[in-house]
Protein backbone atom coordinates (compact mmCIF):
# COMPACT_ATOMS: atom_id res chain seq x y z
CA MET A 1 -8.55 36.53 5.79
CA ALA A 2 -4.89 35.57 4.98
CA GLN A 3 -2.35 35.33 7.39
CA SER A 4 -0.08 37.98 7.83
CA THR A 5 3.05 36.97 5.94
CA HIS A 6 4.74 39.04 8.81
CA ASN A 7 3.38 37.11 11.80
CA ILE A 8 4.39 33.71 11.47
CA ARG A 9 3.01 31.43 14.06
CA ARG A 10 4.86 28.76 16.00
CA ILE A 11 3.10 25.25 16.18
CA SER A 12 3.47 21.90 17.21
CA VAL A 13 3.75 19.12 14.55
CA GLY A 14 0.20 17.76 15.93
CA GLU A 15 -0.77 20.58 15.61
CA ALA A 16 -0.08 21.38 12.25
CA LEU A 17 -1.34 17.63 11.00
CA ASP A 18 -4.77 17.92 12.91
CA TYR A 19 -5.37 21.42 11.56
CA ILE A 20 -3.93 20.23 7.65
CA LEU A 21 -6.37 17.22 8.05
CA ARG A 22 -9.29 18.48 9.10
CA HIS A 23 -9.09 20.89 5.53
CA ILE A 24 -9.03 17.31 3.79
CA THR A 25 -11.70 15.71 1.99
CA PRO A 26 -11.40 12.76 0.65
CA LEU A 27 -12.51 12.38 -3.16
CA ASP A 28 -15.26 11.02 -4.74
CA SER A 29 -15.27 7.57 -6.69
CA HIS A 30 -15.18 6.14 -9.97
CA LEU A 31 -15.58 2.85 -11.50
CA VAL A 32 -12.51 1.23 -12.97
CA PRO A 33 -11.47 -2.13 -14.59
CA ILE A 34 -9.90 -4.62 -11.92
CA THR A 35 -6.83 -4.84 -14.17
CA GLU A 36 -6.14 -0.93 -13.13
CA ALA A 37 -7.24 -1.36 -9.21
CA LEU A 38 -4.34 -2.46 -8.05
CA GLY A 39 -3.19 -0.27 -4.68
CA ARG A 40 -6.71 1.75 -4.91
CA VAL A 41 -8.94 2.28 -2.57
CA LEU A 42 -12.57 0.62 -2.57
CA ALA A 43 -15.69 3.22 -2.41
CA GLU A 44 -18.11 0.72 -1.40
CA ASP A 45 -18.31 -2.85 0.02
CA VAL A 46 -18.42 -5.76 -2.55
CA VAL A 47 -20.89 -8.37 -2.06
CA SER A 48 -20.60 -11.81 -4.29
CA ALA A 49 -23.57 -12.41 -5.92
CA VAL A 50 -22.58 -15.73 -6.65
CA ASP A 51 -21.59 -19.03 -4.38
CA ILE A 52 -17.58 -20.08 -4.91
CA PRO A 53 -16.93 -22.64 -5.91
CA PRO A 54 -20.61 -22.62 -7.48
CA PHE A 55 -21.23 -26.27 -7.32
CA VAL A 56 -20.10 -29.55 -5.28
CA ASN A 57 -16.97 -30.46 -6.58
CA SER A 58 -13.48 -32.24 -6.53
CA ALA A 59 -10.43 -31.61 -4.36
CA MET A 60 -8.27 -34.15 -5.60
CA ASP A 61 -7.53 -36.20 -8.70
CA GLY A 62 -9.04 -39.54 -7.77
CA TYR A 63 -12.54 -41.52 -7.89
CA ALA A 64 -15.47 -40.49 -6.66
CA VAL A 65 -17.05 -42.71 -4.64
CA ARG A 66 -20.22 -43.93 -2.02
CA ALA A 67 -18.12 -43.98 1.34
CA GLU A 68 -19.88 -46.61 3.03
CA ASP A 69 -19.02 -48.62 0.02
CA VAL A 70 -15.32 -48.51 1.00
CA ALA A 71 -15.58 -48.13 4.80
CA ASP A 72 -13.81 -51.38 5.17
CA ALA A 73 -11.04 -51.26 2.59
CA SER A 74 -7.37 -51.31 3.25
CA PRO A 75 -4.39 -52.29 1.41
CA GLU A 76 -4.54 -56.16 2.57
CA SER A 77 -8.31 -56.03 1.78
CA PRO A 78 -8.94 -53.82 -0.92
CA VAL A 79 -12.34 -53.09 -2.08
CA VAL A 80 -12.89 -53.49 -5.80
CA LEU A 81 -15.48 -50.65 -7.67
CA SER A 82 -16.97 -50.70 -11.24
CA VAL A 83 -15.60 -47.75 -12.60
CA VAL A 84 -18.61 -46.05 -14.82
CA ALA A 85 -17.81 -42.53 -15.40
CA ASP A 86 -14.88 -40.30 -16.33
CA VAL A 87 -15.53 -36.72 -15.38
CA PRO A 88 -12.44 -34.09 -16.23
CA ALA A 89 -12.70 -30.77 -15.19
CA GLY A 90 -15.47 -28.73 -16.89
CA ALA A 91 -17.49 -31.81 -17.69
CA VAL A 92 -20.62 -32.74 -16.22
CA PRO A 93 -21.72 -36.22 -15.29
CA ASP A 94 -24.05 -38.11 -16.97
CA ARG A 95 -24.88 -40.90 -14.93
CA PRO A 96 -24.85 -41.27 -11.12
CA VAL A 97 -22.39 -43.27 -8.94
CA GLU A 98 -24.79 -46.03 -7.61
CA PRO A 99 -23.99 -48.84 -4.92
CA GLY A 100 -20.06 -50.82 -5.73
CA ALA A 101 -19.47 -48.03 -8.66
CA ALA A 102 -17.22 -45.25 -8.84
CA ALA A 103 -16.01 -42.10 -11.27
CA ARG A 104 -12.81 -41.27 -12.44
CA ILE A 105 -12.82 -37.49 -11.61
CA MET A 106 -10.30 -34.81 -11.92
CA THR A 107 -9.89 -32.12 -9.50
CA GLY A 108 -12.20 -29.14 -9.82
CA ALA A 109 -14.84 -31.54 -11.32
CA PRO A 110 -18.59 -31.62 -10.29
CA ILE A 111 -19.10 -34.63 -7.80
CA PRO A 112 -21.27 -37.11 -9.79
CA PRO A 113 -24.80 -37.54 -8.18
CA GLY A 114 -24.91 -40.88 -5.24
CA SER A 115 -21.22 -40.05 -4.54
CA ASP A 116 -19.75 -38.44 -1.31
CA ALA A 117 -16.14 -38.41 -1.06
CA VAL A 118 -13.16 -38.91 -3.66
CA VAL A 119 -10.35 -41.22 -3.28
CA PRO A 120 -6.83 -39.73 -4.52
CA PHE A 121 -5.25 -42.06 -7.24
CA GLU A 122 -2.48 -42.46 -4.73
CA GLN A 123 -4.79 -44.86 -2.60
CA THR A 124 -5.89 -46.90 -5.66
CA SER A 125 -4.97 -49.65 -7.91
CA GLU A 126 -4.46 -46.94 -10.57
CA GLY A 127 -1.77 -44.79 -8.58
CA GLN A 128 0.13 -47.80 -7.80
CA ASP A 129 0.03 -48.76 -11.43
CA GLU A 130 -0.99 -52.30 -10.48
CA ALA A 131 -0.73 -54.89 -13.33
CA THR A 132 -3.52 -56.85 -12.08
CA GLN A 133 -6.10 -54.32 -12.37
CA ALA A 134 -9.06 -55.28 -14.69
CA ALA A 135 -10.72 -52.89 -17.07
CA GLY A 136 -13.57 -50.93 -16.10
CA GLN A 137 -12.35 -51.74 -12.52
CA VAL A 138 -10.67 -49.80 -9.93
CA LYS A 139 -9.32 -51.51 -6.06
CA ILE A 140 -9.60 -48.89 -3.38
CA TYR A 141 -6.90 -49.09 -0.71
CA LYS A 142 -8.17 -46.99 2.10
CA ALA A 143 -11.23 -45.67 3.47
CA VAL A 144 -12.49 -42.39 3.20
CA ARG A 145 -15.64 -40.71 5.02
CA ALA A 146 -18.35 -38.86 3.61
CA GLY A 147 -17.28 -35.22 2.53
CA ASP A 148 -13.45 -36.50 2.30
CA ASN A 149 -11.83 -34.55 -0.48
CA VAL A 150 -14.67 -32.70 -1.31
CA ARG A 151 -15.10 -29.30 -2.03
CA GLU A 152 -18.65 -27.93 -1.07
CA ALA A 153 -20.52 -25.02 -2.69
CA GLY A 154 -20.11 -21.76 -1.18
CA GLU A 155 -17.14 -23.18 0.84
CA ASP A 156 -14.93 -20.24 -0.14
CA VAL A 157 -17.28 -17.61 -0.58
CA ARG A 158 -21.43 -17.40 -0.12
CA ARG A 159 -24.12 -15.50 -1.98
CA GLY A 160 -24.55 -12.50 -0.14
CA GLN A 161 -21.46 -12.58 1.50
CA THR A 162 -19.63 -8.95 1.90
CA VAL A 163 -16.31 -10.06 0.75
CA LEU A 164 -14.16 -6.40 0.72
CA PHE A 165 -15.19 -3.72 2.69
CA ALA A 166 -15.08 0.39 1.57
CA GLY A 167 -11.80 1.50 2.12
CA HIS A 168 -9.59 -1.53 1.55
CA LEU A 169 -6.53 -0.80 -0.18
CA LEU A 170 -6.34 -3.58 -2.94
CA ARG A 171 -3.90 -5.95 -3.53
CA PRO A 172 -3.38 -8.54 -6.05
CA GLN A 173 -5.18 -11.53 -4.21
CA ASP A 174 -8.28 -9.07 -4.25
CA ILE A 175 -8.09 -8.59 -7.63
CA GLY A 176 -8.17 -12.45 -7.97
CA ILE A 177 -11.53 -12.89 -5.59
CA LEU A 178 -13.07 -9.90 -7.56
CA ALA A 179 -12.59 -11.85 -10.79
CA ALA A 180 -13.86 -15.38 -9.21
CA MET A 181 -16.97 -13.14 -8.35
CA GLY A 182 -17.77 -11.75 -11.81
CA TYR A 183 -16.47 -8.22 -11.17
CA PRO A 184 -15.26 -7.01 -14.18
CA GLU A 185 -14.98 -3.51 -13.15
CA VAL A 186 -15.00 -1.99 -9.40
CA ARG A 187 -15.84 1.57 -7.66
CA VAL A 188 -12.57 2.75 -6.37
CA VAL A 189 -11.53 6.66 -4.65
CA ARG A 190 -10.23 8.98 -7.53
CA ARG A 191 -6.46 9.22 -7.43
CA PRO A 192 -5.64 12.70 -6.00
CA ARG A 193 -3.88 14.93 -8.51
CA VAL A 194 -0.96 16.45 -7.12
CA ALA A 195 0.86 19.45 -8.37
CA ILE A 196 4.27 20.21 -7.81
CA LEU A 197 6.10 23.56 -7.78
CA ALA A 198 9.27 24.10 -6.92
CA THR A 199 10.58 28.12 -6.42
CA GLY A 200 13.45 29.96 -6.69
CA ASP A 201 15.81 31.58 -9.02
CA GLU A 202 18.68 29.19 -7.58
CA LEU A 203 17.28 26.51 -9.37
CA VAL A 204 18.31 24.73 -12.86
CA SER A 205 16.34 22.22 -14.33
CA ILE A 206 18.66 18.75 -14.19
CA ASP A 207 19.43 18.44 -17.74
CA GLU A 208 20.82 22.06 -17.59
CA PRO A 209 24.66 22.82 -16.39
CA VAL A 210 25.52 24.21 -13.27
CA THR A 211 26.40 27.84 -13.03
CA PRO A 212 28.18 29.45 -10.27
CA GLY A 213 25.36 30.47 -7.58
CA LYS A 214 22.91 27.57 -8.88
CA ILE A 215 21.52 24.32 -7.84
CA ARG A 216 19.33 21.64 -9.43
CA ASN A 217 15.82 21.25 -8.96
CA SER A 218 15.91 18.07 -6.95
CA ASN A 219 12.69 18.60 -5.03
CA GLU A 220 10.89 18.44 -7.78
CA TYR A 221 11.78 15.08 -8.76
CA THR A 222 11.54 13.72 -4.92
CA SER A 223 7.97 14.87 -4.31
CA ILE A 224 7.12 13.00 -8.06
CA ALA A 225 8.36 9.89 -6.64
CA LEU A 226 6.77 10.19 -3.44
CA VAL A 227 3.18 11.44 -5.00
CA LYS A 228 3.56 8.58 -6.72
CA ARG A 229 4.64 5.80 -3.91
CA TYR A 230 1.48 7.23 -1.95
CA GLY A 231 -0.82 6.68 -4.52
CA GLY A 232 -1.25 10.33 -6.48
CA VAL A 233 -0.87 11.74 -9.79
CA PRO A 234 2.21 14.41 -10.10
CA VAL A 235 1.32 16.93 -11.84
CA PRO A 236 5.06 18.82 -12.30
CA LEU A 237 4.63 22.57 -13.17
CA GLY A 238 8.40 22.73 -13.02
CA ILE A 239 10.24 25.58 -11.87
CA ALA A 240 8.80 28.99 -10.78
CA ARG A 241 11.25 32.27 -10.67
CA ASP A 242 11.08 35.03 -7.86
CA THR A 243 8.64 37.48 -9.28
CA VAL A 244 5.02 38.09 -8.75
CA GLU A 245 3.94 37.01 -12.36
CA ASP A 246 5.85 34.12 -12.58
CA LEU A 247 4.60 32.71 -9.00
CA THR A 248 1.50 33.69 -9.89
CA ALA A 249 1.03 32.42 -13.73
CA LYS A 250 2.72 28.82 -12.41
CA ILE A 251 0.08 28.63 -9.45
CA ARG A 252 -3.11 29.37 -11.69
CA GLU A 253 -1.52 26.75 -14.41
CA GLY A 254 -1.85 24.28 -11.72
CA LEU A 255 -5.13 25.30 -10.57
CA ALA A 256 -6.21 24.87 -14.38
CA GLN A 257 -4.88 21.33 -14.41
CA ASN A 258 -7.88 20.36 -12.05
CA VAL A 259 -5.38 19.37 -9.17
CA HIS A 260 -6.39 18.06 -5.39
CA PHE A 261 -3.41 19.11 -3.71
CA PHE A 262 -0.70 21.89 -4.24
CA LEU A 263 2.40 21.56 -3.29
CA THR A 264 5.28 23.92 -3.17
CA SER A 265 9.02 23.85 -1.97
CA ALA A 266 10.93 26.56 -0.51
CA GLY A 267 9.77 30.69 0.03
CA VAL A 268 8.05 30.03 3.36
CA SER A 269 10.70 30.45 5.99
CA VAL A 270 11.30 33.46 8.36
CA GLY A 271 14.69 34.45 6.00
CA ASP A 272 13.51 34.46 3.12
CA PHE A 273 12.64 37.30 0.59
CA ASP A 274 8.64 37.13 0.98
CA MET A 275 7.86 36.72 -2.61
CA VAL A 276 6.66 33.48 -2.22
CA LYS A 277 4.14 34.14 0.90
CA ASN A 278 2.71 37.30 -0.23
CA VAL A 279 1.58 35.40 -4.24
CA LEU A 280 0.83 32.57 -1.88
CA ALA A 281 -0.90 34.82 0.42
CA ALA A 282 -2.88 36.91 -2.36
CA GLU A 283 -3.95 33.78 -4.38
CA GLY A 284 -5.41 32.07 -1.07
CA GLU A 285 -6.13 31.61 2.14
CA MET A 286 -3.10 30.92 3.86
CA HIS A 287 -0.94 29.84 7.14
CA PHE A 288 2.40 30.44 7.82
CA TRP A 289 3.87 28.10 10.41
CA GLN A 290 7.06 27.32 12.03
CA VAL A 291 6.37 24.00 13.32
CA ALA A 292 8.43 22.50 16.13
CA ILE A 293 10.19 20.16 13.90
CA LYS A 294 13.39 19.17 12.51
CA PRO A 295 14.51 19.24 9.69
CA GLY A 296 12.05 21.31 8.15
CA LYS A 297 10.80 24.26 10.85
CA PRO A 298 8.98 26.50 7.89
CA LEU A 299 5.80 25.06 6.82
CA ALA A 300 2.49 26.83 4.91
CA PHE A 301 -0.52 25.88 4.79
CA GLY A 302 -3.76 26.97 3.49
CA MET A 303 -6.52 27.21 0.36
CA VAL A 304 -5.76 28.56 -2.97
CA GLY A 305 -8.66 28.47 -5.60
CA GLY A 306 -10.04 26.04 -3.22
CA VAL A 307 -7.53 23.55 -3.25
CA PRO A 308 -5.37 22.96 -0.29
CA LEU A 309 -1.80 24.04 -0.53
CA LEU A 310 1.23 22.82 1.08
CA GLY A 311 4.40 24.99 1.02
CA LEU A 312 7.47 22.61 2.17
CA PRO A 313 11.02 24.00 3.42
CA GLY A 314 13.22 24.83 0.34
CA ASN A 315 16.11 22.35 1.84
CA PRO A 316 15.86 18.91 0.11
CA VAL A 317 16.10 16.87 3.60
CA ALA A 318 13.61 19.08 5.40
CA ALA A 319 11.31 18.68 2.12
CA MET A 320 11.29 15.10 1.93
CA VAL A 321 10.71 14.99 5.78
CA ALA A 322 7.81 17.32 5.58
CA PHE A 323 6.39 15.66 2.69
CA GLU A 324 5.92 12.43 4.81
CA VAL A 325 4.90 13.98 7.96
CA PHE A 326 2.67 16.43 6.70
CA ALA A 327 2.01 15.89 2.98
CA ARG A 328 1.59 11.97 3.03
CA PRO A 329 -1.27 12.09 5.15
CA ALA A 330 -2.64 14.22 3.38
CA ILE A 331 -3.03 12.93 0.26
CA LEU A 332 -3.71 9.22 1.92
CA LYS A 333 -6.60 10.98 2.97
CA LEU A 334 -7.64 12.15 -0.27
CA GLY A 335 -7.19 8.95 -1.66
CA GLY A 336 -9.62 7.02 0.50
CA ARG A 337 -7.19 6.00 2.97
CA THR A 338 -8.16 5.36 6.76
CA ASN A 339 -5.03 4.80 8.53
CA TRP A 340 -1.68 7.47 7.52
CA GLU A 341 0.53 5.41 10.18
CA LYS A 342 3.67 4.81 8.83
CA PRO A 343 5.31 1.14 9.49
CA LEU A 344 7.25 1.85 12.85
CA VAL A 345 9.41 -0.36 14.69
CA ARG A 346 11.50 -0.53 18.29
CA ALA A 347 15.06 -0.45 17.78
CA THR A 348 18.12 0.05 20.24
CA LEU A 349 19.98 2.94 19.89
CA ASP A 350 24.08 2.53 18.89
CA GLU A 351 25.45 5.70 19.67
CA ASP A 352 23.73 9.19 21.99
CA VAL A 353 21.57 11.56 20.42
CA HIS A 354 21.13 15.08 21.53
CA ASN A 355 18.03 17.16 20.70
CA SER A 356 17.35 20.89 20.55
CA GLY A 357 13.31 20.95 21.76
CA ARG A 358 12.12 20.18 18.55
CA ARG A 359 10.56 16.74 17.42
CA HIS A 360 13.37 15.67 15.26
CA TYR A 361 13.21 13.06 12.65
CA MET A 362 16.54 11.61 12.34
CA ARG A 363 17.62 9.93 9.69
CA ALA A 364 18.83 6.49 10.39
CA GLN A 365 19.95 3.11 9.23
CA VAL A 366 17.95 -0.07 11.06
CA ARG A 367 19.29 -3.34 11.15
CA ARG A 368 18.07 -6.84 12.44
CA GLU A 369 20.31 -8.52 14.53
CA ALA A 370 20.33 -12.05 16.96
CA ASP A 371 18.39 -9.67 19.95
CA GLY A 372 15.94 -7.67 17.95
CA TYR A 373 16.46 -4.53 15.57
CA HIS A 374 19.11 -2.17 16.12
CA VAL A 375 19.50 1.72 15.12
CA THR A 376 22.07 3.96 13.65
CA THR A 377 22.19 7.91 12.99
CA ARG A 378 25.41 8.02 11.67
CA GLY A 379 26.83 6.18 8.49
CA SER A 380 28.08 5.63 5.15
CA GLY A 381 30.07 8.91 6.13
CA VAL A 382 27.59 10.67 7.14
CA GLN A 383 28.39 12.03 10.86
CA VAL A 384 25.84 15.48 10.88
CA GLN A 385 21.93 15.74 10.01
CA GLY A 386 22.30 18.79 8.21
CA SER A 387 19.31 19.38 6.64
CA GLY A 388 20.83 20.05 3.05
CA ILE A 389 22.37 16.72 2.90
CA LEU A 390 20.47 14.61 1.01
CA SER A 391 22.88 11.78 0.45
CA SER A 392 22.02 10.64 4.07
CA LEU A 393 18.58 10.03 2.74
CA VAL A 394 20.05 7.81 0.09
CA TRP A 395 22.14 6.11 3.13
CA ALA A 396 18.80 5.57 5.55
CA ASN A 397 16.20 3.08 5.77
CA GLY A 398 14.28 4.76 8.82
CA LEU A 399 13.57 8.13 10.53
CA VAL A 400 14.23 7.74 14.64
CA ILE A 401 12.04 9.96 16.51
CA VAL A 402 12.96 12.05 19.38
CA PRO A 403 10.00 13.59 21.03
CA GLU A 404 9.80 17.45 21.43
CA ASN A 405 10.71 17.25 25.26
CA VAL A 406 13.50 14.90 25.16
CA THR A 407 17.01 16.76 24.78
CA PHE A 408 19.33 13.56 25.24
CA ILE A 409 18.50 9.97 24.54
CA GLN A 410 21.66 7.45 25.56
CA ALA A 411 23.18 5.14 23.64
CA GLY A 412 21.77 1.29 24.33
CA SER A 413 18.04 2.83 24.82
CA PRO A 414 14.82 1.89 22.89
CA VAL A 415 13.75 4.44 20.45
CA ASP A 416 10.62 4.79 17.75
CA VAL A 417 11.92 4.42 14.16
CA TRP A 418 9.76 5.09 11.27
CA MET A 419 10.88 2.85 8.59
CA LEU A 420 10.81 4.48 5.02
CA ASP A 421 11.58 1.27 3.40
CA TRP A 422 11.83 -2.29 4.63
CA PRO A 423 15.25 -3.91 2.81
CA GLU A 424 15.53 -8.06 2.84
CA SER A 425 18.05 -7.41 5.52
CA VAL A 426 15.90 -5.67 7.97
CA PHE A 427 12.31 -7.47 7.44
C-alpha cells in the first residue's frame, strides 16, 4: 500500500540510497555497431577469435636477417649481405632469407622464412646514405640477437584470450581493440530512458516571459543534461500544472513512452500542496521521506506503473544535489554500471564550516597548490549555501561532504570533496 502523504518518514542518506538501489534492476542488452558503443557498458565478455598480430612481422623499417650472420657486425667491421627481396607492408615474402642474405622490409610486413631479426635502416649503409654501397648489397653496422625488432604472432592478443569483460565501460581504445579483433558490433546494456517532469503552477517555459509570481523551468534542463552525462536517454515531458488531471496525464504520457526511470521535481515536501504527492500515491506505490541531507531534504521514491520514480525537491540546487546523490547511482545501475562512486579528493578547507546535523553537500571550489588540494565553500560573490542559488553550482567544481555527526569543521582541516568536474587547473 502507498505510504500516507501525511506520514512522512525521516531517514538517513544511506538508508534512502540503499532502498532505491534495491529496487533498481540493470536493463537487458542489445547489439550495437562498435561506432555507437563508446560510453556503453559491455553485457558479456569479449573473447578474441584471432591472434593479434596474426603473423610474425617487423617492428621496424630495415633489413630482415639471420642473427648469426651479423653476430660480429660493427661500425669498424661491417657485415655485407646480399639483398634478395623487398617486402613492403601488406606483401607476402616470396623467397627465404638464406645464409649471407637479407630482405629489405617495412614495419608490419611478414618476416621472411629463414630470418629471425630485423636491423633498422639507421644501422645499415642505406640508413647512412653510404655512397660506396654496391647494388644488391647492404652493409650491417651493428649486431642483433634473434627476435630483435620482431613482433611475434599473438604478442598483443592471443586467440581465446578474454580481452574485455562484462560490465566494462567502453573507451576509445576499447573500440580500437574490438575492431582489431574483427567485431563490427558488440552486445551492450541498453541505455536507460528517463522521463523528466517538472511540476508547479509557478513554472514557465524558457522561451516565455517571466511575469509576476512566475519562474523559468530550469530543473528540466539541468536534469536533461545530467541524464545524458550519466549515460541515459532523457525523455522530457515539460511542465505539469498543479491539477490532478494534468499531473495524471503527464505521468501516464511518460509511462507510455517505455521509460525505465521517472524523475519529477517539486511538490514532495511537507509544506507543498498535497497535489503531487496525492497523484503519485494514487498512480503507484510511493514513499515520501525527509532525508537527513542538505540541501534537498524532501524526497519521494516508489514504483509507478512498474517503473521506479524518484521525486526530487523543487529548489534548483537541492534538485541537482539530490540527483547526484540518488538519481545518478540509480541510472548508472540501470545502465549496467557496478561502480557509481563519485571521484573524491581530500582537500584542506579554507574557512570554518558549521553544520546543522544533516549530511551537508556544500558547493565548493577545489584548487591545486604546491602542497596538495585546497577547497573553499565561498567565492564568486557567493557567501551563502541556499538551495535556490543556482549560480553557486556554476561557480563550484565540487561538493564538500560534511557528515551527519559533524557540526563544526575548523579551517585548515582535511575534508572529503566530491568532484563535479575536473578542470585542467585542478587535475
